[in-house]
Amino acid sequence: MEDKKLLYYLIKQAKKGNKRATFELIIRFEPLINRHSKINGEFNQECKDYIIDKLLEEIKNFKNFKKIRLPF
């Protein structure tokens, strides 16, 4: 449960432009990002960079953050 609160806090801070929170999010999701950064079974840095760019873009564009009610 504490992990969900931290994730919520990090996303909220990253949305506000906090670079440290943004970096922490990338680090937390890096194993998942790496797993999906493959082309023909081989790791591809360009693919990883693209996924990270999209993640950062989506955090910035997220509009309904206040409407989210977490059950904790």
N, C-alpha and C. Protein backbone atom coordinates (compact mmCIF):
# COMPACT_ATOMS: atom_id res chain seq x y z
N MET A 1 0.83 -1.20 0.00
CA MET A 1 0.00 0.00 0.00
C MET A 1 0.87 1.26 0.00
N GLU A 2 1.93 1.26 0.76
CA GLU A 2 2.82 2.42 0.83
C GLU A 2 3.45 2.71 -0.53
N ASP A 3 3.71 1.66 -1.29
CA ASP A 3 4.30 1.81 -2.62
C ASP A 3 3.36 2.57 -3.55
N LYS A 4 2.06 2.32 -3.44
CA LYS A 4 1.08 3.03 -4.28
C LYS A 4 1.04 4.51 -3.93
N LYS A 5 1.14 4.83 -2.66
CA LYS A 5 1.14 6.23 -2.24
C LYS A 5 2.36 6.95 -2.78
N LEU A 6 3.51 6.28 -2.74
CA LEU A 6 4.74 6.88 -3.25
C LEU A 6 4.64 7.09 -4.76
N LEU A 7 4.10 6.12 -5.47
CA LEU A 7 3.94 6.24 -6.91
C LEU A 7 3.01 7.41 -7.24
N TYR A 8 1.91 7.51 -6.52
CA TYR A 8 0.96 8.61 -6.70
C TYR A 8 1.67 9.96 -6.48
N TYR A 9 2.43 10.04 -5.40
CA TYR A 9 3.16 11.27 -5.07
C TYR A 9 4.18 11.61 -6.16
N LEU A 10 4.93 10.61 -6.62
CA LEU A 10 5.94 10.86 -7.66
C LEU A 10 5.30 11.35 -8.96
N ILE A 11 4.20 10.75 -9.35
CA ILE A 11 3.52 11.19 -10.58
C ILE A 11 3.02 12.62 -10.42
N LYS A 12 2.45 12.90 -9.28
CA LYS A 12 1.95 14.25 -9.02
C LYS A 12 3.08 15.28 -9.06
N GLN A 13 4.21 14.95 -8.46
CA GLN A 13 5.36 15.85 -8.45
C GLN A 13 5.97 16.00 -9.85
N ALA A 14 6.05 14.90 -10.59
CA ALA A 14 6.58 14.95 -11.95
C ALA A 14 5.69 15.82 -12.83
N LYS A 15 4.39 15.73 -12.63
CA LYS A 15 3.44 16.56 -13.39
C LYS A 15 3.69 18.04 -13.13
N LYS A 16 4.11 18.36 -11.92
CA LYS A 16 4.41 19.76 -11.55
C LYS A 16 5.78 20.21 -12.06
N GLY A 17 6.56 19.28 -12.63
CA GLY A 17 7.86 19.64 -13.18
C GLY A 17 9.04 19.27 -12.31
N ASN A 18 8.82 18.51 -11.25
CA ASN A 18 9.90 18.09 -10.36
C ASN A 18 10.78 17.06 -11.09
N LYS A 19 12.01 17.46 -11.40
CA LYS A 19 12.90 16.59 -12.17
C LYS A 19 13.34 15.36 -11.39
N ARG A 20 13.50 15.51 -10.10
CA ARG A 20 13.91 14.37 -9.28
C ARG A 20 12.82 13.29 -9.27
N ALA A 21 11.57 13.72 -9.15
CA ALA A 21 10.44 12.78 -9.17
C ALA A 21 10.34 12.10 -10.53
N THR A 22 10.57 12.87 -11.58
CA THR A 22 10.54 12.31 -12.94
C THR A 22 11.62 11.25 -13.11
N PHE A 23 12.82 11.56 -12.63
CA PHE A 23 13.93 10.61 -12.71
C PHE A 23 13.60 9.35 -11.91
N GLU A 24 13.02 9.52 -10.72
CA GLU A 24 12.66 8.38 -9.88
C GLU A 24 11.62 7.49 -10.58
N LEU A 25 10.68 8.10 -11.27
CA LEU A 25 9.69 7.31 -12.02
C LEU A 25 10.35 6.48 -13.11
N ILE A 26 11.28 7.09 -13.83
CA ILE A 26 11.98 6.36 -14.89
C ILE A 26 12.75 5.19 -14.30
N ILE A 27 13.43 5.42 -13.18
CA ILE A 27 14.19 4.35 -12.52
C ILE A 27 13.25 3.23 -12.05
N ARG A 28 12.12 3.59 -11.48
CA ARG A 28 11.17 2.58 -10.98
C ARG A 28 10.61 1.73 -12.12
N PHE A 29 10.39 2.35 -13.28
CA PHE A 29 9.80 1.62 -14.40
C PHE A 29 10.84 1.07 -15.38
N GLU A 30 12.12 1.27 -15.09
CA GLU A 30 13.16 0.85 -16.02
C GLU A 30 13.12 -0.64 -16.36
N PRO A 31 12.90 -1.53 -15.41
CA PRO A 31 12.83 -2.96 -15.81
C PRO A 31 11.71 -3.23 -16.82
N LEU A 32 10.56 -2.61 -16.62
CA LEU A 32 9.45 -2.78 -17.56
C LEU A 32 9.78 -2.13 -18.90
N ILE A 33 10.37 -0.95 -18.86
CA ILE A 33 10.76 -0.25 -20.09
C ILE A 33 11.77 -1.10 -20.87
N ASN A 34 12.76 -1.64 -20.17
CA ASN A 34 13.78 -2.47 -20.83
C ASN A 34 13.17 -3.72 -21.45
N ARG A 35 12.20 -4.31 -20.75
CA ARG A 35 11.55 -5.52 -21.25
C ARG A 35 10.83 -5.26 -22.57
N HIS A 36 10.32 -4.05 -22.73
CA HIS A 36 9.57 -3.72 -23.94
C HIS A 36 10.39 -2.93 -24.96
N SER A 37 11.69 -2.85 -24.74
CA SER A 37 12.58 -2.11 -25.64
C SER A 37 13.37 -3.05 -26.54
N LYS A 38 12.67 -4.01 -27.10
CA LYS A 38 13.34 -5.00 -27.94
C LYS A 38 12.74 -5.03 -29.33
N ILE A 39 13.60 -5.25 -30.29
CA ILE A 39 13.19 -5.46 -31.67
C ILE A 39 13.82 -6.77 -32.11
N ASN A 40 13.00 -7.69 -32.56
CA ASN A 40 13.45 -9.03 -32.95
C ASN A 40 14.21 -9.71 -31.81
N GLY A 41 13.77 -9.50 -30.58
CA GLY A 41 14.38 -10.14 -29.42
C GLY A 41 15.65 -9.49 -28.91
N GLU A 42 16.09 -8.43 -29.57
CA GLU A 42 17.32 -7.74 -29.19
C GLU A 42 17.01 -6.39 -28.58
N PHE A 43 17.71 -6.05 -27.48
CA PHE A 43 17.52 -4.75 -26.85
C PHE A 43 17.86 -3.65 -27.85
N ASN A 44 17.04 -2.58 -27.85
CA ASN A 44 17.24 -1.47 -28.77
C ASN A 44 17.15 -0.16 -27.99
N GLN A 45 18.25 0.59 -27.91
CA GLN A 45 18.30 1.83 -27.14
C GLN A 45 17.34 2.88 -27.69
N GLU A 46 17.21 2.94 -29.00
CA GLU A 46 16.26 3.90 -29.60
C GLU A 46 14.84 3.62 -29.14
N CYS A 47 14.51 2.36 -29.05
CA CYS A 47 13.18 1.96 -28.61
C CYS A 47 12.99 2.38 -27.14
N LYS A 48 13.99 2.17 -26.32
CA LYS A 48 13.93 2.57 -24.91
C LYS A 48 13.76 4.07 -24.79
N ASP A 49 14.52 4.82 -25.55
CA ASP A 49 14.42 6.28 -25.52
C ASP A 49 13.02 6.75 -25.94
N TYR A 50 12.47 6.09 -26.93
CA TYR A 50 11.12 6.43 -27.40
C TYR A 50 10.08 6.18 -26.29
N ILE A 51 10.19 5.04 -25.63
CA ILE A 51 9.25 4.72 -24.55
C ILE A 51 9.36 5.73 -23.42
N ILE A 52 10.56 6.09 -23.05
CA ILE A 52 10.76 7.08 -21.98
C ILE A 52 10.20 8.44 -22.41
N ASP A 53 10.45 8.83 -23.65
CA ASP A 53 9.90 10.10 -24.15
C ASP A 53 8.37 10.10 -24.08
N LYS A 54 7.76 9.00 -24.48
CA LYS A 54 6.30 8.89 -24.43
C LYS A 54 5.79 8.92 -22.99
N LEU A 55 6.48 8.26 -22.09
CA LEU A 55 6.10 8.29 -20.67
C LEU A 55 6.12 9.72 -20.14
N LEU A 56 7.18 10.45 -20.43
CA LEU A 56 7.30 11.84 -19.97
C LEU A 56 6.23 12.73 -20.60
N GLU A 57 5.96 12.50 -21.86
CA GLU A 57 4.92 13.25 -22.57
C GLU A 57 3.54 13.01 -21.94
N GLU A 58 3.25 11.76 -21.64
CA GLU A 58 1.96 11.42 -21.05
C GLU A 58 1.81 12.00 -19.64
N ILE A 59 2.87 12.02 -18.88
CA ILE A 59 2.81 12.63 -17.54
C ILE A 59 2.47 14.11 -17.67
N LYS A 60 3.13 14.80 -18.59
CA LYS A 60 2.88 16.24 -18.78
C LYS A 60 1.46 16.51 -19.27
N ASN A 61 0.94 15.64 -20.11
CA ASN A 61 -0.38 15.87 -20.71
C ASN A 61 -1.54 15.34 -19.88
N PHE A 62 -1.25 14.66 -18.79
CA PHE A 62 -2.30 14.09 -17.96
C PHE A 62 -3.11 15.22 -17.34
N LYS A 63 -4.41 15.27 -17.61
CA LYS A 63 -5.23 16.41 -17.20
C LYS A 63 -6.13 16.14 -16.01
N ASN A 64 -6.62 14.95 -15.84
CA ASN A 64 -7.63 14.67 -14.82
C ASN A 64 -7.03 14.06 -13.56
N PHE A 65 -5.86 14.51 -13.18
CA PHE A 65 -5.18 13.94 -12.02
C PHE A 65 -5.98 14.14 -10.74
N LYS A 66 -6.66 15.26 -10.61
CA LYS A 66 -7.42 15.56 -9.39
C LYS A 66 -8.64 14.66 -9.24
N LYS A 67 -9.13 14.11 -10.33
CA LYS A 67 -10.32 13.27 -10.28
C LYS A 67 -10.03 11.84 -9.84
N ILE A 68 -8.78 11.46 -9.82
CA ILE A 68 -8.41 10.11 -9.44
C ILE A 68 -8.56 9.95 -7.93
N ARG A 69 -9.29 8.96 -7.53
CA ARG A 69 -9.46 8.65 -6.11
C ARG A 69 -8.82 7.30 -5.85
N LEU A 70 -7.78 7.30 -5.07
CA LEU A 70 -7.11 6.05 -4.76
C LEU A 70 -7.71 5.46 -3.47
N PRO A 71 -7.83 4.16 -3.42
CA PRO A 71 -8.49 3.53 -2.27
C PRO A 71 -7.57 3.35 -1.05
N PHE A 72 -6.75 4.33 -0.75
CA PHE A 72 -5.89 4.23 0.45
C PHE A 72 -5.81 5.56 1.14
